[in-house]
Amino acid sequence: MSIYEMLEELQEKAMHDHALKEILLQTRKEEEPLFAFCKKCQELGYEIYPMELVNAGEEFYATMRRSTNGGGENSPMLAGEDDMYELFFTVLERS
């Protein structure tokens, strides 16, 4: 299962399970929130690690840039689109 699939599955579960949602949201209050989130994911059976999460966001963003205007320097800047961690929580907090 890819990092995208794991995040999507976990997000879907959390949106339907209030207790899980709260557990994940609480990781944001830790001293090292990214590491706390990844540790919680691993406890829940999702092999998500900090560098994989960062790299996934960068790869996703690079793919989007390449698909826009040929991916050159004139491609629009998409603020925050390279941060899968923040995108995960943005959706979770709005649900």
N, C-alpha and C. Protein backbone atom coordinates (compact mmCIF):
# COMPACT_ATOMS: atom_id res chain seq x y z
N MET A 1 0.86 -1.17 0.00
CA MET A 1 0.00 0.00 0.00
C MET A 1 0.90 1.24 0.00
N SER A 2 0.59 2.19 -0.85
CA SER A 2 1.40 3.40 -0.95
C SER A 2 1.08 4.35 0.21
N ILE A 3 1.94 5.31 0.41
CA ILE A 3 1.73 6.31 1.47
C ILE A 3 0.42 7.06 1.25
N TYR A 4 0.10 7.33 0.00
CA TYR A 4 -1.14 8.03 -0.32
C TYR A 4 -2.35 7.20 0.09
N GLU A 5 -2.29 5.91 -0.22
CA GLU A 5 -3.38 5.00 0.12
C GLU A 5 -3.53 4.85 1.63
N MET A 6 -2.39 4.76 2.32
CA MET A 6 -2.45 4.64 3.78
C MET A 6 -3.06 5.89 4.41
N LEU A 7 -2.62 7.06 3.96
CA LEU A 7 -3.17 8.30 4.50
C LEU A 7 -4.65 8.43 4.22
N GLU A 8 -5.04 8.07 3.01
CA GLU A 8 -6.44 8.16 2.63
C GLU A 8 -7.30 7.20 3.47
N GLU A 9 -6.82 5.98 3.65
CA GLU A 9 -7.56 5.00 4.45
C GLU A 9 -7.67 5.46 5.90
N LEU A 10 -6.56 5.93 6.45
CA LEU A 10 -6.55 6.40 7.84
C LEU A 10 -7.46 7.61 8.01
N GLN A 11 -7.42 8.50 7.07
CA GLN A 11 -8.27 9.69 7.11
C GLN A 11 -9.74 9.30 7.07
N GLU A 12 -10.07 8.38 6.20
CA GLU A 12 -11.46 7.91 6.09
C GLU A 12 -11.93 7.27 7.40
N LYS A 13 -11.08 6.46 7.99
CA LYS A 13 -11.42 5.83 9.28
C LYS A 13 -11.63 6.89 10.35
N ALA A 14 -10.73 7.86 10.39
CA ALA A 14 -10.81 8.91 11.42
C ALA A 14 -12.04 9.78 11.26
N MET A 15 -12.48 9.98 10.04
CA MET A 15 -13.66 10.82 9.82
C MET A 15 -14.94 10.11 10.29
N HIS A 16 -14.88 8.79 10.44
CA HIS A 16 -16.04 8.03 10.89
C HIS A 16 -15.88 7.51 12.32
N ASP A 17 -14.74 7.74 12.92
CA ASP A 17 -14.47 7.28 14.28
C ASP A 17 -13.94 8.47 15.09
N HIS A 18 -14.83 9.06 15.88
CA HIS A 18 -14.48 10.27 16.62
C HIS A 18 -13.28 10.06 17.55
N ALA A 19 -13.21 8.90 18.20
CA ALA A 19 -12.09 8.63 19.11
C ALA A 19 -10.76 8.61 18.36
N LEU A 20 -10.73 7.96 17.21
CA LEU A 20 -9.51 7.92 16.41
C LEU A 20 -9.14 9.31 15.92
N LYS A 21 -10.13 10.06 15.50
CA LYS A 21 -9.89 11.43 15.04
C LYS A 21 -9.24 12.25 16.15
N GLU A 22 -9.74 12.15 17.36
CA GLU A 22 -9.18 12.90 18.49
C GLU A 22 -7.76 12.46 18.81
N ILE A 23 -7.52 11.15 18.73
CA ILE A 23 -6.16 10.63 18.99
C ILE A 23 -5.18 11.24 17.98
N LEU A 24 -5.57 11.26 16.73
CA LEU A 24 -4.69 11.82 15.70
C LEU A 24 -4.51 13.32 15.87
N LEU A 25 -5.59 14.01 16.18
CA LEU A 25 -5.50 15.47 16.39
C LEU A 25 -4.62 15.80 17.59
N GLN A 26 -4.61 14.96 18.61
CA GLN A 26 -3.79 15.21 19.79
C GLN A 26 -2.30 15.16 19.46
N THR A 27 -1.92 14.43 18.42
CA THR A 27 -0.50 14.38 18.05
C THR A 27 0.01 15.75 17.63
N ARG A 28 -0.88 16.61 17.19
CA ARG A 28 -0.50 17.97 16.76
C ARG A 28 0.00 18.81 17.94
N LYS A 29 -0.36 18.41 19.16
CA LYS A 29 0.02 19.18 20.35
C LYS A 29 1.33 18.71 20.97
N GLU A 30 1.90 17.67 20.41
CA GLU A 30 3.17 17.14 20.93
C GLU A 30 4.33 18.06 20.57
N GLU A 31 5.44 17.90 21.27
CA GLU A 31 6.62 18.70 21.00
C GLU A 31 7.14 18.48 19.57
N GLU A 32 7.08 17.24 19.10
CA GLU A 32 7.47 16.87 17.73
C GLU A 32 6.24 16.25 17.05
N PRO A 33 5.30 17.08 16.57
CA PRO A 33 4.03 16.56 16.07
C PRO A 33 4.14 15.58 14.90
N LEU A 34 5.05 15.82 13.98
CA LEU A 34 5.20 14.91 12.84
C LEU A 34 5.63 13.52 13.31
N PHE A 35 6.59 13.49 14.22
CA PHE A 35 7.07 12.20 14.74
C PHE A 35 5.98 11.52 15.57
N ALA A 36 5.24 12.28 16.34
CA ALA A 36 4.15 11.73 17.14
C ALA A 36 3.07 11.13 16.24
N PHE A 37 2.75 11.84 15.16
CA PHE A 37 1.75 11.36 14.21
C PHE A 37 2.22 10.04 13.58
N CYS A 38 3.46 10.01 13.12
CA CYS A 38 3.98 8.80 12.48
C CYS A 38 4.02 7.63 13.46
N LYS A 39 4.40 7.90 14.70
CA LYS A 39 4.42 6.84 15.71
C LYS A 39 3.02 6.29 15.92
N LYS A 40 2.03 7.18 16.00
CA LYS A 40 0.64 6.74 16.18
C LYS A 40 0.19 5.93 14.98
N CYS A 41 0.55 6.37 13.77
CA CYS A 41 0.20 5.62 12.56
C CYS A 41 0.77 4.21 12.63
N GLN A 42 2.02 4.10 13.05
CA GLN A 42 2.66 2.79 13.15
C GLN A 42 1.96 1.92 14.18
N GLU A 43 1.55 2.50 15.29
CA GLU A 43 0.81 1.75 16.31
C GLU A 43 -0.51 1.23 15.76
N LEU A 44 -1.08 1.98 14.81
CA LEU A 44 -2.35 1.60 14.20
C LEU A 44 -2.17 0.67 13.00
N GLY A 45 -0.92 0.32 12.71
CA GLY A 45 -0.65 -0.62 11.63
C GLY A 45 -0.33 0.00 10.28
N TYR A 46 -0.10 1.30 10.26
CA TYR A 46 0.26 2.00 9.03
C TYR A 46 1.74 2.37 9.09
N GLU A 47 2.52 1.80 8.21
CA GLU A 47 3.97 2.03 8.19
C GLU A 47 4.26 3.37 7.52
N ILE A 48 4.02 4.43 8.27
CA ILE A 48 4.26 5.79 7.79
C ILE A 48 5.38 6.38 8.63
N TYR A 49 6.41 6.85 7.94
CA TYR A 49 7.59 7.41 8.60
C TYR A 49 7.77 8.86 8.15
N PRO A 50 8.38 9.68 9.00
CA PRO A 50 8.51 11.11 8.69
C PRO A 50 9.10 11.41 7.31
N MET A 51 10.21 10.79 6.96
CA MET A 51 10.84 11.11 5.68
C MET A 51 10.00 10.64 4.50
N GLU A 52 9.30 9.52 4.66
CA GLU A 52 8.40 9.06 3.60
C GLU A 52 7.28 10.06 3.39
N LEU A 53 6.77 10.60 4.48
CA LEU A 53 5.68 11.56 4.42
C LEU A 53 6.13 12.85 3.74
N VAL A 54 7.29 13.33 4.09
CA VAL A 54 7.85 14.55 3.47
C VAL A 54 8.12 14.30 1.99
N ASN A 55 8.75 13.17 1.69
CA ASN A 55 9.08 12.84 0.31
C ASN A 55 7.82 12.67 -0.54
N ALA A 56 6.78 12.07 0.01
CA ALA A 56 5.53 11.87 -0.74
C ALA A 56 4.94 13.21 -1.14
N GLY A 57 4.98 14.17 -0.24
CA GLY A 57 4.46 15.49 -0.55
C GLY A 57 5.25 16.17 -1.65
N GLU A 58 6.56 16.04 -1.59
CA GLU A 58 7.41 16.66 -2.61
C GLU A 58 7.20 16.00 -3.96
N GLU A 59 7.06 14.68 -3.99
CA GLU A 59 6.83 13.96 -5.25
C GLU A 59 5.47 14.35 -5.84
N PHE A 60 4.47 14.44 -4.98
CA PHE A 60 3.13 14.82 -5.43
C PHE A 60 3.15 16.21 -6.04
N TYR A 61 3.82 17.13 -5.36
CA TYR A 61 3.90 18.51 -5.84
C TYR A 61 4.67 18.59 -7.16
N ALA A 62 5.76 17.84 -7.25
CA ALA A 62 6.56 17.85 -8.48
C ALA A 62 5.74 17.31 -9.65
N THR A 63 4.95 16.30 -9.42
CA THR A 63 4.08 15.75 -10.47
C THR A 63 3.06 16.79 -10.92
N MET A 64 2.48 17.51 -9.97
CA MET A 64 1.52 18.56 -10.32
C MET A 64 2.20 19.66 -11.12
N ARG A 65 3.39 20.06 -10.73
CA ARG A 65 4.10 21.13 -11.46
C ARG A 65 4.43 20.70 -12.88
N ARG A 66 4.83 19.44 -13.06
CA ARG A 66 5.15 18.95 -14.40
C ARG A 66 3.91 18.93 -15.28
N SER A 67 2.75 18.73 -14.69
CA SER A 67 1.53 18.64 -15.49
C SER A 67 0.93 20.01 -15.80
N THR A 68 1.52 21.08 -15.26
CA THR A 68 1.01 22.44 -15.47
C THR A 68 1.95 23.22 -16.37
N ASN A 69 1.48 23.61 -17.51
CA ASN A 69 2.29 24.42 -18.44
C ASN A 69 3.64 23.79 -18.73
N GLY A 70 3.69 22.49 -18.82
CA GLY A 70 4.94 21.82 -19.13
C GLY A 70 5.91 21.75 -17.97
N GLY A 71 5.51 22.22 -16.82
CA GLY A 71 6.33 22.12 -15.62
C GLY A 71 7.50 23.08 -15.56
N GLY A 72 7.51 24.06 -16.39
CA GLY A 72 8.62 25.01 -16.40
C GLY A 72 8.52 26.02 -15.27
N GLU A 73 9.38 26.99 -15.33
CA GLU A 73 9.43 28.02 -14.30
C GLU A 73 8.16 28.86 -14.25
N ASN A 74 7.36 28.84 -15.31
CA ASN A 74 6.14 29.63 -15.34
C ASN A 74 4.95 28.91 -14.71
N SER A 75 5.18 27.70 -14.21
CA SER A 75 4.10 26.97 -13.56
C SER A 75 3.69 27.72 -12.30
N PRO A 76 2.40 27.72 -11.99
CA PRO A 76 1.95 28.47 -10.81
C PRO A 76 2.45 27.85 -9.51
N MET A 77 2.71 28.70 -8.55
CA MET A 77 3.07 28.22 -7.21
C MET A 77 1.78 27.80 -6.51
N LEU A 78 1.79 26.63 -5.94
CA LEU A 78 0.63 26.11 -5.25
C LEU A 78 0.99 25.98 -3.77
N ALA A 79 0.65 26.96 -3.00
CA ALA A 79 1.04 27.02 -1.59
C ALA A 79 0.49 25.82 -0.81
N GLY A 80 1.39 25.14 -0.12
CA GLY A 80 0.99 24.06 0.76
C GLY A 80 0.70 22.74 0.09
N GLU A 81 0.76 22.70 -1.21
CA GLU A 81 0.42 21.46 -1.93
C GLU A 81 1.50 20.40 -1.79
N ASP A 82 2.63 20.73 -1.19
CA ASP A 82 3.70 19.76 -1.05
C ASP A 82 3.76 19.16 0.35
N ASP A 83 2.77 19.41 1.17
CA ASP A 83 2.81 18.96 2.56
C ASP A 83 1.64 18.00 2.83
N MET A 84 1.89 16.71 2.64
CA MET A 84 0.84 15.70 2.82
C MET A 84 0.35 15.66 4.27
N TYR A 85 1.24 15.93 5.20
CA TYR A 85 0.89 15.95 6.63
C TYR A 85 -0.14 17.05 6.90
N GLU A 86 0.13 18.24 6.44
CA GLU A 86 -0.81 19.36 6.66
C GLU A 86 -2.12 19.15 5.90
N LEU A 87 -2.03 18.62 4.69
CA LEU A 87 -3.25 18.35 3.93
C LEU A 87 -4.11 17.31 4.63
N PHE A 88 -3.49 16.30 5.20
CA PHE A 88 -4.21 15.27 5.95
C PHE A 88 -5.02 15.91 7.08
N PHE A 89 -4.37 16.77 7.84
CA PHE A 89 -5.04 17.38 8.99
C PHE A 89 -6.03 18.47 8.59
N THR A 90 -5.79 19.13 7.49
CA THR A 90 -6.75 20.13 7.01
C THR A 90 -8.09 19.46 6.74
N VAL A 91 -8.05 18.34 6.05
CA VAL A 91 -9.30 17.60 5.75
C VAL A 91 -9.91 17.09 7.05
N LEU A 92 -9.09 16.52 7.92
CA LEU A 92 -9.59 15.94 9.16
C LEU A 92 -10.25 17.02 10.05
N GLU A 93 -9.64 18.16 10.15
CA GLU A 93 -10.17 19.22 11.00
C GLU A 93 -11.46 19.81 10.45
N ARG A 94 -11.65 19.72 9.15
CA ARG A 94 -12.86 20.28 8.54
C ARG A 94 -14.02 19.28 8.51
N SER A 95 -13.75 18.05 8.88
CA SER A 95 -14.83 17.05 8.84
C SER A 95 -15.56 16.94 10.16
